[in-house]
């Protein structure tokens, strides 16, 4: 994702540094019956973060632009991707597999 930001979207260096900082050294603290636990977070954006949707769009942009076979479409919504495959009937669909 950071490579796409730098080369494809031409993000200035100061913004790249800010995004790198945002994605580094993150810790999740959670409570258990035996006390508070720590978990190092190594991927993704914080749920509900303002940057989350934009970082998802940047990460999945290349996938959503892939050339698909006839009657096949990729749809991205929120943080999900769906492959939609249409065929006139079951026989046509089975022939395309």
C-alpha atoms as a PDB file:
ATOM      1  CA  UNK A   1       0.000   0.000   0.000  1.00  0.00           C
ATOM      2  CA  UNK A   2       2.780   2.436   0.848  1.00  0.00           C
ATOM      3  CA  UNK A   3       4.417   1.750  -2.514  1.00  0.00           C
ATOM      4  CA  UNK A   4       1.152   2.569  -4.302  1.00  0.00           C
ATOM      5  CA  UNK A   5       0.856   5.784  -2.342  1.00  0.00           C
ATOM      6  CA  UNK A   6       4.357   6.873  -3.290  1.00  0.00           C
ATOM      7  CA  UNK A   7       4.496   5.863  -6.938  1.00  0.00           C
ATOM      8  CA  UNK A   8       0.958   5.688  -8.258  1.00  0.00           C
ATOM      9  CA  UNK A   9      -0.695   8.441  -6.255  1.00  0.00           C
ATOM     10  CA  UNK A  10       2.431  10.638  -5.844  1.00  0.00           C
ATOM     11  CA  UNK A  11       1.807  11.375  -2.164  1.00  0.00           C
ATOM     12  CA  UNK A  12       4.262  13.960  -0.765  1.00  0.00           C
ATOM     13  CA  UNK A  13       6.974  12.674   1.563  1.00  0.00           C
ATOM     14  CA  UNK A  14       5.645  14.475   4.648  1.00  0.00           C
ATOM     15  CA  UNK A  15       2.277  12.704   4.259  1.00  0.00           C
ATOM     16  CA  UNK A  16       4.048   9.381   3.667  1.00  0.00           C
ATOM     17  CA  UNK A  17       5.920   9.850   6.936  1.00  0.00           C
ATOM     18  CA  UNK A  18       2.678  10.617   8.747  1.00  0.00           C
ATOM     19  CA  UNK A  19       0.958   7.492   7.348  1.00  0.00           C
ATOM     20  CA  UNK A  20       3.982   5.301   8.172  1.00  0.00           C
ATOM     21  CA  UNK A  21       3.903   6.628  11.719  1.00  0.00           C
ATOM     22  CA  UNK A  22       0.152   5.977  11.915  1.00  0.00           C
ATOM     23  CA  UNK A  23       0.677   2.317  10.934  1.00  0.00           C
ATOM     24  CA  UNK A  24       3.701   1.582  13.186  1.00  0.00           C
ATOM     25  CA  UNK A  25       4.100   0.547  16.807  1.00  0.00           C
ATOM     26  CA  UNK A  26       0.441  -0.169  17.508  1.00  0.00           C
ATOM     27  CA  UNK A  27      -0.658  -2.131  20.565  1.00  0.00           C
ATOM     28  CA  UNK A  28      -4.077  -3.581  21.359  1.00  0.00           C
ATOM     29  CA  UNK A  29      -4.886  -3.786  25.067  1.00  0.00           C
ATOM     30  CA  UNK A  30      -7.721  -6.070  26.139  1.00  0.00           C
ATOM     31  CA  UNK A  31      -9.040  -7.389  29.423  1.00  0.00           C
ATOM     32  CA  UNK A  32      -9.241 -11.048  30.369  1.00  0.00           C
ATOM     33  CA  UNK A  33     -10.102 -12.898  33.554  1.00  0.00           C
ATOM     34  CA  UNK A  34      -6.396 -13.034  34.341  1.00  0.00           C
ATOM     35  CA  UNK A  35      -5.747  -9.336  33.696  1.00  0.00           C
ATOM     36  CA  UNK A  36      -4.928  -6.959  30.872  1.00  0.00           C
ATOM     37  CA  UNK A  37      -3.217  -8.451  27.821  1.00  0.00           C
ATOM     38  CA  UNK A  38      -1.175  -6.711  25.122  1.00  0.00           C
ATOM     39  CA  UNK A  39      -1.151  -7.682  21.455  1.00  0.00           C
ATOM     40  CA  UNK A  40       1.036  -6.092  18.797  1.00  0.00           C
ATOM     41  CA  UNK A  41      -1.065  -5.023  15.789  1.00  0.00           C
ATOM     42  CA  UNK A  42       0.787  -5.514  12.489  1.00  0.00           C
ATOM     43  CA  UNK A  43      -1.852  -4.893   9.831  1.00  0.00           C
ATOM     44  CA  UNK A  44      -4.876  -2.877   8.929  1.00  0.00           C
ATOM     45  CA  UNK A  45      -6.214   0.447  10.122  1.00  0.00           C
ATOM     46  CA  UNK A  46      -7.999   1.017  13.385  1.00  0.00           C
ATOM     47  CA  UNK A  47     -11.704   0.249  13.112  1.00  0.00           C
ATOM     48  CA  UNK A  48     -13.672   3.464  12.727  1.00  0.00           C
ATOM     49  CA  UNK A  49     -10.580   5.503  11.906  1.00  0.00           C
ATOM     50  CA  UNK A  50     -10.875   8.420   9.528  1.00  0.00           C
ATOM     51  CA  UNK A  51      -8.067   7.015   7.348  1.00  0.00           C
ATOM     52  CA  UNK A  52      -9.439   3.462   7.208  1.00  0.00           C
ATOM     53  CA  UNK A  53     -11.702   3.833   4.145  1.00  0.00           C
ATOM     54  CA  UNK A  54      -9.078   5.733   2.145  1.00  0.00           C
ATOM     55  CA  UNK A  55      -6.340   3.233   2.978  1.00  0.00           C
ATOM     56  CA  UNK A  56      -8.695   0.393   1.965  1.00  0.00           C
ATOM     57  CA  UNK A  57      -9.426   2.128  -1.358  1.00  0.00           C
ATOM     58  CA  UNK A  58      -5.713   2.527  -2.052  1.00  0.00           C
ATOM     59  CA  UNK A  59      -4.941  -1.080  -1.085  1.00  0.00           C
ATOM     60  CA  UNK A  60      -7.684  -2.606  -3.219  1.00  0.00           C
ATOM     61  CA  UNK A  61      -7.598  -0.206  -6.186  1.00  0.00           C
ATOM     62  CA  UNK A  62      -5.442  -2.538  -8.320  1.00  0.00           C
ATOM     63  CA  UNK A  63      -7.668  -5.532  -7.552  1.00  0.00           C
ATOM     64  CA  UNK A  64     -10.844  -3.662  -8.449  1.00  0.00           C
ATOM     65  CA  UNK A  65      -9.261  -2.617 -11.772  1.00  0.00           C
ATOM     66  CA  UNK A  66      -8.375  -6.191 -12.824  1.00  0.00           C
ATOM     67  CA  UNK A  67      -9.727  -7.279 -16.172  1.00  0.00           C
ATOM     68  CA  UNK A  68     -12.439  -9.879 -15.589  1.00  0.00           C
ATOM     69  CA  UNK A  69     -13.895 -12.522 -17.899  1.00  0.00           C
ATOM     70  CA  UNK A  70     -17.161 -11.728 -19.652  1.00  0.00           C
ATOM     71  CA  UNK A  71     -20.158 -11.521 -17.299  1.00  0.00           C
ATOM     72  CA  UNK A  72     -17.877 -11.246 -14.244  1.00  0.00           C
ATOM     73  CA  UNK A  73     -17.599  -8.106 -12.140  1.00  0.00           C
ATOM     74  CA  UNK A  74     -15.792  -7.123  -8.960  1.00  0.00           C
ATOM     75  CA  UNK A  75     -17.648  -4.798  -6.625  1.00  0.00           C
ATOM     76  CA  UNK A  76     -16.107  -3.058  -3.649  1.00  0.00           C
ATOM     77  CA  UNK A  77     -18.240  -1.628  -0.871  1.00  0.00           C
ATOM     78  CA  UNK A  78     -17.082  -0.388   2.527  1.00  0.00           C
ATOM     79  CA  UNK A  79     -14.352  -2.930   3.391  1.00  0.00           C
ATOM     80  CA  UNK A  80     -15.618  -5.858   1.314  1.00  0.00           C
ATOM     81  CA  UNK A  81     -15.166  -7.170  -2.219  1.00  0.00           C
ATOM     82  CA  UNK A  82     -17.704  -9.334  -4.002  1.00  0.00           C
ATOM     83  CA  UNK A  83     -17.307 -11.180  -7.296  1.00  0.00           C
ATOM     84  CA  UNK A  84     -20.537 -11.116  -9.286  1.00  0.00           C
ATOM     85  CA  UNK A  85     -20.799 -13.735 -12.001  1.00  0.00           C
ATOM     86  CA  UNK A  86     -23.795 -13.704 -14.296  1.00  0.00           C
ATOM     87  CA  UNK A  87     -24.826 -16.283 -16.881  1.00  0.00           C
ATOM     88  CA  UNK A  88     -27.915 -16.716 -18.993  1.00  0.00           C
ATOM     89  CA  UNK A  89     -28.462 -20.186 -17.549  1.00  0.00           C
ATOM     90  CA  UNK A  90     -26.754 -22.914 -15.528  1.00  0.00           C
ATOM     91  CA  UNK A  91     -25.320 -24.661 -18.607  1.00  0.00           C
ATOM     92  CA  UNK A  92     -23.555 -21.490 -19.748  1.00  0.00           C
ATOM     93  CA  UNK A  93     -22.202 -20.944 -16.229  1.00  0.00           C
ATOM     94  CA  UNK A  94     -20.886 -24.531 -15.958  1.00  0.00           C
ATOM     95  CA  UNK A  95     -19.195 -24.272 -19.378  1.00  0.00           C
ATOM     96  CA  UNK A  96     -17.263 -21.224 -18.216  1.00  0.00           C
ATOM     97  CA  UNK A  97     -15.757 -22.940 -15.154  1.00  0.00           C
END
